[in-house]
Amino acid sequence: MAIQGKAAKSATGAAMSKYDVEVEARLKALEAAIHSHEGGGDSGDRVEQVVAALKREMPNKFADL
């Protein structure tokens, strides 16, 4: 007696393999992580901290930053 499974469907309705489903899930997780970091505002503060440290440690090379 054979059991017939149902393939996952993409947004367009195409059948997706188990691998495709896994890759899609990973891609969505990565995109969500990127979007959560975009609006954080921490990156600008961090850049300013690095620039200040470079100016402090090597003022001759990074004075014009």
N, C-alpha and C. Protein backbone atom coordinates (compact mmCIF):
# COMPACT_ATOMS: atom_id res chain seq x y z
N MET A 1 0.84 -1.17 0.00
CA MET A 1 0.00 0.00 0.00
C MET A 1 0.89 1.24 0.00
N ALA A 2 0.83 2.01 -1.03
CA ALA A 2 1.67 3.20 -1.17
C ALA A 2 0.96 4.41 -0.56
N ILE A 3 1.76 5.23 0.09
CA ILE A 3 1.22 6.46 0.66
C ILE A 3 1.69 7.61 -0.22
N GLN A 4 0.77 8.40 -0.67
CA GLN A 4 1.12 9.50 -1.54
C GLN A 4 1.19 10.78 -0.71
N GLY A 5 2.36 11.46 -0.75
CA GLY A 5 2.53 12.71 -0.01
C GLY A 5 2.23 13.90 -0.90
N LYS A 6 2.19 15.02 -0.29
CA LYS A 6 1.95 16.25 -1.03
C LYS A 6 3.22 17.09 -0.99
N ALA A 7 3.62 17.56 -2.14
CA ALA A 7 4.80 18.41 -2.22
C ALA A 7 4.43 19.81 -1.74
N ALA A 8 5.43 20.47 -1.15
CA ALA A 8 5.22 21.86 -0.76
C ALA A 8 5.07 22.70 -2.02
N LYS A 9 4.37 23.79 -1.91
CA LYS A 9 4.13 24.66 -3.06
C LYS A 9 4.81 26.00 -2.84
N SER A 10 5.38 26.53 -3.90
CA SER A 10 5.98 27.86 -3.84
C SER A 10 4.89 28.91 -3.95
N ALA A 11 5.28 30.17 -3.89
CA ALA A 11 4.32 31.27 -3.99
C ALA A 11 3.61 31.25 -5.34
N THR A 12 4.28 30.73 -6.35
CA THR A 12 3.67 30.66 -7.68
C THR A 12 2.87 29.39 -7.90
N GLY A 13 2.92 28.48 -6.93
CA GLY A 13 2.17 27.24 -7.05
C GLY A 13 2.98 26.07 -7.56
N ALA A 14 4.25 26.29 -7.85
CA ALA A 14 5.12 25.21 -8.33
C ALA A 14 5.49 24.29 -7.17
N ALA A 15 5.65 23.01 -7.47
CA ALA A 15 6.06 22.04 -6.46
C ALA A 15 7.51 22.31 -6.04
N MET A 16 7.77 22.14 -4.74
CA MET A 16 9.11 22.37 -4.21
C MET A 16 9.62 21.10 -3.55
N SER A 17 10.89 20.79 -3.76
CA SER A 17 11.50 19.64 -3.12
C SER A 17 11.78 19.95 -1.65
N LYS A 18 12.14 18.95 -0.89
CA LYS A 18 12.47 19.13 0.52
C LYS A 18 13.66 20.10 0.63
N TYR A 19 14.62 19.98 -0.25
CA TYR A 19 15.78 20.87 -0.27
C TYR A 19 15.34 22.31 -0.54
N ASP A 20 14.45 22.49 -1.52
CA ASP A 20 13.96 23.82 -1.84
C ASP A 20 13.26 24.47 -0.65
N VAL A 21 12.48 23.68 0.06
CA VAL A 21 11.77 24.19 1.23
C VAL A 21 12.77 24.63 2.30
N GLU A 22 13.83 23.83 2.52
CA GLU A 22 14.85 24.17 3.50
C GLU A 22 15.60 25.44 3.11
N VAL A 23 15.96 25.55 1.83
CA VAL A 23 16.67 26.73 1.35
C VAL A 23 15.79 27.97 1.47
N GLU A 24 14.53 27.85 1.14
CA GLU A 24 13.60 28.97 1.26
C GLU A 24 13.48 29.43 2.71
N ALA A 25 13.41 28.49 3.64
CA ALA A 25 13.32 28.84 5.06
C ALA A 25 14.57 29.58 5.52
N ARG A 26 15.73 29.09 5.08
CA ARG A 26 16.99 29.76 5.46
C ARG A 26 17.07 31.16 4.88
N LEU A 27 16.65 31.31 3.63
CA LEU A 27 16.67 32.62 2.98
C LEU A 27 15.76 33.60 3.71
N LYS A 28 14.57 33.15 4.08
CA LYS A 28 13.65 34.03 4.80
C LYS A 28 14.22 34.44 6.15
N ALA A 29 14.90 33.51 6.83
CA ALA A 29 15.51 33.83 8.13
C ALA A 29 16.63 34.86 7.96
N LEU A 30 17.45 34.70 6.92
CA LEU A 30 18.52 35.66 6.67
C LEU A 30 17.96 37.03 6.32
N GLU A 31 16.93 37.07 5.49
CA GLU A 31 16.31 38.35 5.13
C GLU A 31 15.71 39.03 6.36
N ALA A 32 15.09 38.26 7.23
CA ALA A 32 14.51 38.83 8.44
C ALA A 32 15.61 39.40 9.34
N ALA A 33 16.74 38.70 9.44
CA ALA A 33 17.85 39.18 10.26
C ALA A 33 18.42 40.48 9.70
N ILE A 34 18.53 40.56 8.39
CA ILE A 34 19.05 41.77 7.75
C ILE A 34 18.10 42.94 8.00
N HIS A 35 16.82 42.71 7.83
CA HIS A 35 15.84 43.79 8.02
C HIS A 35 15.79 44.25 9.47
N SER A 36 16.01 43.34 10.41
CA SER A 36 15.97 43.74 11.82
C SER A 36 17.18 44.59 12.18
N HIS A 37 18.29 44.42 11.47
CA HIS A 37 19.49 45.21 11.75
C HIS A 37 19.51 46.53 10.99
N GLU A 38 18.75 46.66 9.94
CA GLU A 38 18.77 47.88 9.13
C GLU A 38 18.25 49.08 9.90
N GLY A 39 17.23 48.91 10.66
CA GLY A 39 16.62 50.03 11.36
C GLY A 39 17.15 50.24 12.76
N GLY A 40 18.13 49.47 13.16
CA GLY A 40 18.63 49.53 14.53
C GLY A 40 19.35 50.79 14.90
N GLY A 41 20.04 51.40 13.96
CA GLY A 41 20.78 52.61 14.26
C GLY A 41 22.11 52.36 14.95
N ASP A 42 22.41 51.14 15.31
CA ASP A 42 23.66 50.83 16.00
C ASP A 42 24.86 50.95 15.08
N SER A 43 24.69 50.68 13.80
CA SER A 43 25.83 50.67 12.89
C SER A 43 26.46 52.05 12.77
N GLY A 44 25.66 53.10 12.73
CA GLY A 44 26.21 54.45 12.65
C GLY A 44 26.98 54.81 13.89
N ASP A 45 26.46 54.44 15.05
CA ASP A 45 27.16 54.70 16.30
C ASP A 45 28.47 53.93 16.36
N ARG A 46 28.43 52.71 15.87
CA ARG A 46 29.63 51.87 15.90
C ARG A 46 30.70 52.44 14.96
N VAL A 47 30.29 52.92 13.81
CA VAL A 47 31.24 53.52 12.87
C VAL A 47 31.91 54.73 13.52
N GLU A 48 31.12 55.55 14.18
CA GLU A 48 31.68 56.73 14.84
C GLU A 48 32.67 56.34 15.93
N GLN A 49 32.40 55.27 16.64
CA GLN A 49 33.31 54.80 17.68
C GLN A 49 34.63 54.33 17.07
N VAL A 50 34.54 53.62 15.95
CA VAL A 50 35.75 53.14 15.29
C VAL A 50 36.57 54.30 14.76
N VAL A 51 35.91 55.27 14.15
CA VAL A 51 36.61 56.44 13.62
C VAL A 51 37.30 57.19 14.76
N ALA A 52 36.61 57.38 15.87
CA ALA A 52 37.21 58.07 17.02
C ALA A 52 38.42 57.31 17.55
N ALA A 53 38.32 55.98 17.59
CA ALA A 53 39.46 55.17 18.06
C ALA A 53 40.64 55.27 17.10
N LEU A 54 40.37 55.26 15.81
CA LEU A 54 41.46 55.39 14.83
C LEU A 54 42.14 56.74 14.95
N LYS A 55 41.35 57.80 15.10
CA LYS A 55 41.91 59.14 15.25
C LYS A 55 42.76 59.23 16.52
N ARG A 56 42.29 58.62 17.58
CA ARG A 56 42.99 58.67 18.86
C ARG A 56 44.29 57.87 18.81
N GLU A 57 44.25 56.67 18.23
CA GLU A 57 45.42 55.79 18.23
C GLU A 57 46.45 56.15 17.16
N MET A 58 45.99 56.64 16.02
CA MET A 58 46.90 56.97 14.92
C MET A 58 46.51 58.32 14.32
N PRO A 59 46.72 59.40 15.06
CA PRO A 59 46.25 60.71 14.60
C PRO A 59 46.91 61.18 13.30
N ASN A 60 48.13 60.78 13.04
CA ASN A 60 48.81 61.21 11.81
C ASN A 60 48.17 60.62 10.56
N LYS A 61 47.65 59.41 10.66
CA LYS A 61 47.09 58.73 9.50
C LYS A 61 45.60 58.99 9.32
N PHE A 62 44.88 59.23 10.42
CA PHE A 62 43.43 59.33 10.35
C PHE A 62 42.88 60.67 10.82
N ALA A 63 43.68 61.70 10.80
CA ALA A 63 43.24 63.02 11.27
C ALA A 63 42.14 63.60 10.37
N ASP A 64 42.16 63.25 9.08
CA ASP A 64 41.20 63.87 8.16
C ASP A 64 39.92 63.05 7.98
N LEU A 65 39.67 62.07 8.79
CA LEU A 65 38.42 61.28 8.67
C LEU A 65 37.24 62.09 9.16
